[in-house]
Protein backbone atom coordinates (compact mmCIF):
# COMPACT_ATOMS: atom_id res chain seq x y z
CA MET A 1 114.45 -74.14 16.53
CA ASN A 2 116.86 -74.88 13.19
CA ARG A 3 118.72 -72.08 12.23
CA ARG A 4 116.10 -70.43 10.01
CA GLU A 5 113.64 -69.69 13.05
CA LEU A 6 117.32 -68.33 15.04
CA LEU A 7 118.21 -65.77 12.39
CA LYS A 8 114.85 -64.65 12.09
CA ALA A 9 114.27 -64.43 15.92
CA ALA A 10 117.54 -62.42 16.29
CA ALA A 11 115.99 -59.74 13.03
CA VAL A 12 113.36 -59.37 15.18
CA LEU A 13 114.64 -58.88 18.61
CA PRO A 14 116.08 -54.93 18.46
CA LEU A 15 113.02 -54.04 16.51
CA ALA A 16 110.97 -55.27 19.44
CA GLN A 17 113.74 -54.02 21.97
CA ALA A 18 113.13 -50.68 20.17
CA ALA A 19 109.39 -50.53 20.66
CA PHE A 20 109.59 -51.73 24.16
CA SER A 21 112.27 -48.55 25.13
CA ASN A 22 110.17 -45.95 23.07
CA THR A 23 106.68 -47.21 24.99
CA ALA A 24 108.77 -47.39 28.53
CA LEU A 25 109.90 -44.06 27.65
CA ALA A 26 106.36 -42.51 26.96
CA GLN A 27 105.08 -44.27 29.68
CA SER A 28 107.55 -42.46 32.11
CA PRO A 29 106.44 -40.13 34.67
CA TYR A 30 107.32 -36.33 33.69
CA PRO A 31 109.66 -34.95 34.05
CA SER A 32 111.99 -38.11 34.76
CA ARG A 33 115.56 -35.65 34.20
CA ASN A 34 116.55 -31.96 34.55
CA ILE A 35 114.75 -29.40 32.79
CA THR A 36 116.19 -26.73 30.73
CA MET A 37 114.63 -23.14 30.89
CA ILE A 38 116.22 -21.09 28.13
CA VAL A 39 116.25 -17.18 28.68
CA PRO A 40 117.87 -15.74 25.13
CA PHE A 41 119.19 -12.87 27.22
CA PRO A 42 122.00 -12.04 30.01
CA ALA A 43 121.69 -12.01 33.40
CA GLY A 44 119.99 -8.77 34.82
CA GLY A 45 116.91 -7.97 32.27
CA GLN A 46 113.07 -8.86 32.75
CA ALA A 47 113.01 -12.52 31.28
CA ASP A 48 116.00 -13.35 33.87
CA LEU A 49 114.32 -11.49 35.88
CA ALA A 50 111.05 -13.89 35.46
CA ALA A 51 112.77 -17.11 34.83
CA ARG A 52 114.86 -17.56 38.28
CA PRO A 53 112.46 -17.66 40.67
CA VAL A 54 110.00 -19.39 38.75
CA ALA A 55 112.39 -22.03 38.35
CA LEU A 56 113.27 -22.67 41.74
CA ALA A 57 109.37 -22.58 42.70
CA LEU A 58 108.97 -25.26 39.81
CA GLU A 59 112.15 -27.43 40.92
CA LYS A 60 110.24 -28.04 43.88
CA ILE A 61 106.71 -28.95 42.34
CA LEU A 62 108.06 -30.81 39.42
CA GLY A 63 110.69 -32.31 41.76
CA LYS A 64 113.68 -32.36 39.06
CA PRO A 65 116.45 -29.30 38.97
CA VAL A 66 114.88 -26.54 36.77
CA ILE A 67 118.71 -25.18 35.45
CA VAL A 68 117.77 -21.11 33.72
CA ASP A 69 120.34 -20.52 30.16
CA ASN A 70 121.01 -17.53 29.77
CA ARG A 71 121.36 -18.04 25.80
CA ALA A 72 122.40 -14.39 24.79
CA GLY A 73 122.93 -13.81 21.02
CA GLY A 74 121.69 -12.47 17.77
CA GLY A 75 120.03 -9.67 18.79
CA GLY A 76 117.02 -9.24 21.09
CA GLY A 77 117.23 -12.62 22.20
CA SER A 78 116.94 -14.63 18.34
CA VAL A 79 119.76 -16.78 19.23
CA GLY A 80 118.02 -18.64 21.95
CA ASN A 81 114.19 -18.13 20.70
CA ALA A 82 115.74 -20.32 17.79
CA ALA A 83 117.43 -22.57 19.88
CA ALA A 84 114.27 -23.49 21.96
CA ALA A 85 112.55 -23.55 18.61
CA ARG A 86 114.50 -26.40 17.31
CA ALA A 87 114.34 -28.68 20.73
CA GLU A 88 113.09 -31.81 20.93
CA PRO A 89 109.43 -31.41 21.56
CA ASP A 90 109.36 -33.45 25.06
CA GLY A 91 109.27 -30.92 27.94
CA TYR A 92 113.00 -30.75 29.09
CA THR A 93 113.88 -27.78 27.03
CA LEU A 94 111.38 -24.21 27.84
CA LEU A 95 111.98 -20.75 26.65
CA MET A 96 111.35 -17.65 28.97
CA THR A 97 111.10 -14.83 26.60
CA LEU A 98 109.48 -11.27 25.90
CA SER A 99 107.26 -9.68 23.30
CA SER A 100 110.62 -9.52 21.13
CA LEU A 101 109.50 -13.45 20.28
CA ALA A 102 106.97 -12.25 17.83
CA VAL A 103 108.74 -9.08 15.97
CA LEU A 104 112.39 -10.56 15.50
CA PRO A 105 111.04 -13.05 12.76
CA GLU A 106 109.10 -10.09 10.99
CA ALA A 107 112.45 -7.41 11.95
CA ASP A 108 114.39 -10.44 9.15
CA ARG A 109 112.12 -10.41 6.83
CA LEU A 110 112.32 -6.78 7.02
CA PHE A 111 115.84 -6.68 5.87
CA ASP A 112 115.63 -10.02 3.89
CA ARG A 113 117.39 -11.80 6.14
CA PRO A 114 116.88 -15.87 6.96
CA VAL A 115 114.31 -16.36 9.50
CA ALA A 116 115.73 -17.69 12.20
CA TYR A 117 112.47 -19.01 14.08
CA GLU A 118 108.41 -18.85 13.53
CA VAL A 119 105.96 -18.00 16.53
CA SER A 120 104.31 -20.80 15.29
CA GLN A 121 106.72 -23.43 16.66
CA PHE A 122 106.16 -22.33 19.78
CA ALA A 123 102.94 -22.92 22.78
CA PRO A 124 102.41 -20.73 24.91
CA VAL A 125 102.23 -22.38 28.76
CA ALA A 126 101.96 -19.28 31.07
CA ARG A 127 102.63 -15.56 31.17
CA VAL A 128 104.65 -14.66 33.98
CA LEU A 129 104.93 -10.79 34.03
CA ALA A 130 103.63 -7.99 32.27
CA ASP A 131 104.76 -4.22 32.89
CA PRO A 132 104.96 -1.01 30.88
CA THR A 133 108.08 -0.23 29.70
CA LEU A 134 109.75 3.51 31.59
CA LEU A 135 112.05 5.61 30.23
CA ALA A 136 115.23 5.74 32.33
CA VAL A 137 118.08 8.42 32.19
CA PRO A 138 121.05 8.95 34.47
CA ALA A 139 120.82 10.57 38.22
CA SER A 140 123.43 13.08 36.83
CA ALA A 141 121.84 13.88 33.47
CA PRO A 142 120.14 17.15 32.91
CA TRP A 143 116.75 16.26 31.66
CA LYS A 144 114.15 16.72 34.73
CA THR A 145 111.26 15.83 32.58
CA LEU A 146 110.38 14.51 29.18
CA GLN A 147 109.81 17.80 27.72
CA ASP A 148 113.39 18.63 28.54
CA PHE A 149 114.68 15.36 27.04
CA VAL A 150 112.78 16.46 23.76
CA ASP A 151 113.75 19.59 23.69
CA ASP A 152 117.45 18.63 23.71
CA ALA A 153 117.23 15.97 21.38
CA ARG A 154 115.51 18.17 18.67
CA LYS A 155 118.97 20.67 19.18
CA ARG A 156 121.16 17.41 18.82
CA PRO A 157 119.75 15.16 16.02
CA GLY A 158 120.87 11.46 16.19
CA GLN A 159 123.11 12.78 19.30
CA ILE A 160 121.95 11.33 22.35
CA PRO A 161 123.05 7.30 22.74
CA TYR A 162 120.25 5.35 24.49
CA GLY A 163 120.95 1.47 25.03
CA SER A 164 118.60 -1.67 23.74
CA SER A 165 118.76 -5.28 24.74
CA GLY A 166 119.32 -5.76 20.51
CA PRO A 167 117.76 -4.70 17.69
CA TYR A 168 114.35 -4.65 17.31
CA GLY A 169 114.21 -5.88 20.92
CA THR A 170 111.03 -4.87 23.13
CA LEU A 171 113.52 -2.03 24.45
CA HIS A 172 114.83 -0.73 20.91
CA VAL A 173 110.89 -1.06 19.44
CA ALA A 174 109.45 1.31 22.52
CA MET A 175 112.23 3.48 22.33
CA GLU A 176 111.82 3.99 18.36
CA MET A 177 107.67 4.27 18.80
CA PHE A 178 108.48 7.29 21.30
CA ALA A 179 111.29 8.75 18.81
CA ALA A 180 108.61 8.53 15.63
CA SER A 181 106.31 10.09 17.67
CA ALA A 182 108.16 12.88 19.59
CA GLY A 183 109.56 14.14 16.38
CA ILE A 184 113.53 13.46 17.05
CA LYS A 185 116.22 11.28 16.24
CA LEU A 186 118.18 9.11 18.64
CA LEU A 187 121.53 7.17 18.48
CA HIS A 188 120.90 3.33 18.87
CA VAL A 189 123.12 1.47 20.92
CA PRO A 190 122.35 -2.17 21.34
CA PHE A 191 124.05 -4.64 23.60
CA ARG A 192 123.42 -8.05 24.37
CA GLY A 193 120.36 -7.81 26.56
CA ALA A 194 118.92 -5.47 28.84
CA GLY A 195 121.54 -5.86 31.49
CA PRO A 196 124.90 -5.07 30.09
CA ALA A 197 122.74 -1.85 28.80
CA LEU A 198 121.49 -1.05 32.09
CA THR A 199 124.78 -1.62 33.26
CA ALA A 200 126.46 1.01 30.53
CA LEU A 201 123.63 3.56 31.92
CA LEU A 202 125.09 3.51 34.80
CA GLY A 203 128.08 3.54 33.63
CA GLY A 204 126.92 6.79 32.02
CA THR A 205 128.05 5.32 28.57
CA VAL A 206 124.19 5.77 27.28
CA GLN A 207 122.69 8.50 27.99
CA ALA A 208 118.89 6.44 28.02
CA MET A 209 117.20 3.51 27.80
CA ALA A 210 113.56 1.98 27.83
CA SER A 211 113.52 -0.75 30.74
CA ALA A 212 110.81 -2.47 33.00
CA PRO A 213 110.32 -1.21 36.09
CA GLY A 214 111.19 -4.69 37.92
CA THR A 215 114.98 -3.75 36.59
CA LEU A 216 115.19 0.10 37.45
CA LYS A 217 113.44 0.80 40.71
CA GLN A 218 116.51 0.08 43.10
CA GLN A 219 118.85 1.75 40.54
CA VAL A 220 115.80 4.58 41.01
CA ASP A 221 115.33 4.22 44.62
CA ASP A 222 119.39 4.16 45.31
CA GLY A 223 119.13 7.82 43.28
CA LYS A 224 121.47 6.54 40.13
CA MET A 225 118.48 7.05 37.92
CA ARG A 226 115.87 9.01 37.28
CA VAL A 227 112.40 7.73 35.05
CA LEU A 228 110.77 10.37 32.92
CA ALA A 229 107.89 9.02 31.45
CA ASN A 230 106.14 5.38 31.62
CA TRP A 231 104.43 3.72 28.39
CA GLY A 232 101.69 2.06 29.78
CA ALA A 233 98.07 3.37 29.33
CA GLU A 234 97.82 4.15 33.32
CA ARG A 235 100.46 5.00 35.99
CA ILE A 236 101.42 1.98 38.05
CA PRO A 237 102.17 1.68 41.33
CA SER A 238 105.54 1.47 41.92
CA PHE A 239 105.85 4.37 40.31
CA PRO A 240 102.75 6.57 41.15
CA ASN A 241 103.87 10.11 40.18
CA LEU A 242 105.63 9.02 36.83
CA PRO A 243 103.68 10.08 33.34
CA THR A 244 102.61 8.02 31.12
CA PHE A 245 103.62 9.45 27.43
CA ARG A 246 100.01 10.00 26.51
CA GLU A 247 99.09 12.26 29.74
CA LEU A 248 101.90 13.68 28.30
CA GLY A 249 100.32 13.91 24.79
CA TYR A 250 101.64 11.11 22.57
CA LYS A 251 98.99 9.70 22.31
CA ASP A 252 100.24 6.42 20.53
CA VAL A 253 103.11 5.85 22.15
CA GLU A 254 102.00 2.47 24.45
CA PHE A 255 104.33 -0.52 25.06
CA TYR A 256 104.69 -3.47 27.02
CA ILE A 257 106.85 -5.59 28.33
CA TRP A 258 105.97 -9.04 29.29
CA ALA A 259 107.55 -12.65 29.92
CA GLY A 260 106.27 -15.99 29.66
CA LEU A 261 107.17 -19.26 29.59
CA PHE A 262 106.97 -21.72 25.93
CA ALA A 263 107.14 -25.01 25.05
CA GLN A 264 107.55 -26.66 21.58
CA SER A 265 104.33 -26.31 19.65
CA ALA A 266 104.55 -30.01 19.08
CA LEU A 267 104.28 -30.60 22.87
CA PRO A 268 102.45 -34.06 24.22
CA ALA A 269 99.28 -32.75 25.87
CA PRO A 270 99.43 -34.71 28.74
CA ILE A 271 103.48 -32.65 29.59
CA MET A 272 101.74 -29.78 28.69
CA THR A 273 98.97 -29.88 31.01
CA ARG A 274 101.21 -30.86 34.03
CA LEU A 275 103.94 -27.87 32.89
CA ARG A 276 100.21 -25.50 33.13
CA GLU A 277 99.41 -27.06 36.32
CA ALA A 278 102.85 -26.62 37.67
CA MET A 279 102.80 -22.69 36.73
CA ALA A 280 99.52 -21.90 38.24
CA GLN A 281 101.06 -23.05 41.48
CA ALA A 282 104.73 -21.72 41.15
CA VAL A 283 103.18 -18.10 40.59
CA LYS A 284 101.79 -18.43 43.57
CA ALA A 285 104.75 -19.64 45.70
CA PRO A 286 104.87 -16.85 48.26
CA GLU A 287 109.01 -16.20 47.76
CA VAL A 288 108.18 -15.78 43.92
CA VAL A 289 105.20 -13.50 44.52
CA LYS A 290 107.95 -11.88 47.43
CA THR A 291 110.52 -11.10 44.54
CA PHE A 292 108.07 -10.02 41.96
CA GLU A 293 106.80 -7.32 44.32
CA THR A 294 109.53 -6.22 46.07
CA ALA A 295 111.26 -5.45 42.60
CA GLY A 296 108.32 -3.53 41.57
CA SER A 297 106.96 -5.56 38.89
CA PRO A 298 104.01 -8.14 40.23
CA VAL A 299 102.64 -11.52 39.02
CA ALA A 300 100.60 -11.38 36.09
CA TYR A 301 99.76 -14.79 35.52
CA MET A 302 97.42 -15.98 32.48
CA ASP A 303 97.03 -19.67 31.60
CA ALA A 304 97.59 -21.19 28.05
CA PRO A 305 94.50 -20.57 26.44
CA GLU A 306 94.38 -16.55 27.15
CA PHE A 307 97.68 -15.95 27.44
CA ALA A 308 97.79 -17.41 23.73
CA LYS A 309 94.91 -14.93 23.16
CA PHE A 310 97.09 -12.19 24.43
CA VAL A 311 100.24 -13.30 22.23
CA ALA A 312 98.30 -13.33 19.15
CA ALA A 313 96.72 -9.48 20.09
CA ASP A 314 100.60 -7.98 21.29
CA SER A 315 101.71 -9.53 18.35
CA ALA A 316 99.85 -8.17 15.53
CA ARG A 317 100.62 -4.49 17.42
CA LEU A 318 104.15 -5.00 17.51
CA ILE A 319 104.77 -6.05 13.96
CA ALA A 320 102.20 -2.92 13.08
CA ALA A 321 104.89 -1.01 15.16
CA VAL A 322 107.82 -2.45 13.38
CA LYS A 323 106.67 -2.46 9.59
CA LYS A 324 105.55 1.69 10.46
CA ILE A 325 109.23 1.71 12.24
CA GLY A 326 110.85 0.36 9.14
CA LYS A 327 114.82 -0.39 8.94
CA VAL A 328 116.44 1.35 11.43
CA GLY A 329 119.77 0.76 13.08
């Protein structure tokens, strides 16, 4: 081989090595390393409740650690959602989030802020939980019924503080939907997630909050909280004596807080298929079923195609609600 041929061969070698490396990577079985499951809220809320047992079940099914990363911030989960949207679409960064996923970009547009992410950047993998929110107050509060609460709020407009997971998050939208229907004004106190808001309610910093049954049941059973109404269309087994807002005359007050697993929209089809198969197994795992049922929030699984349709319909309803609520604090 002469000098010119040797130089040509040397120039081609790195390209050949890169091509071989990419081919080997594409053919390596998924997963080949740890998976991160972003939860865009602190521990203690509905998304965290959904993520932890599912992550443990997925570890056993996929054979690699699934690490829950509570990446809170930005109000309503926007920081964690955006981080997941920007991640490589390789199946190693997943997102367990709530129904506020579609609301937050619309809130950014409402306030003429830069949009942190778009829902179109995500591909639904599976729905895990879906519950109506419940209106909770401290057990020491003077209100025994929803009417007591409304009557007091009308006497003291803007003085009863309620906690939420952040501006235009699920808990904020639910409370403002109720307040608008009841013709009352409440004081919104946003937190970094439902967990801190729940702690504030227990500590007396706020006097009310909307939350999922799974994060409230133990506190109600222990006599630390009281629930006044259910945002669902029907009563639920974990709180069978709790009336719905619709029963109490608020026909347009209906709100659900669901938790689901998402990946990036550019995720390769074989990896999406593997994740869907793994999630179908994970939600049937006895420890997952027991954890959710004990919390009063049973598994509400949907596979990707059905979940995608559900997200589209629910998002349209929530976006309409946000536009109706408008700019609120």
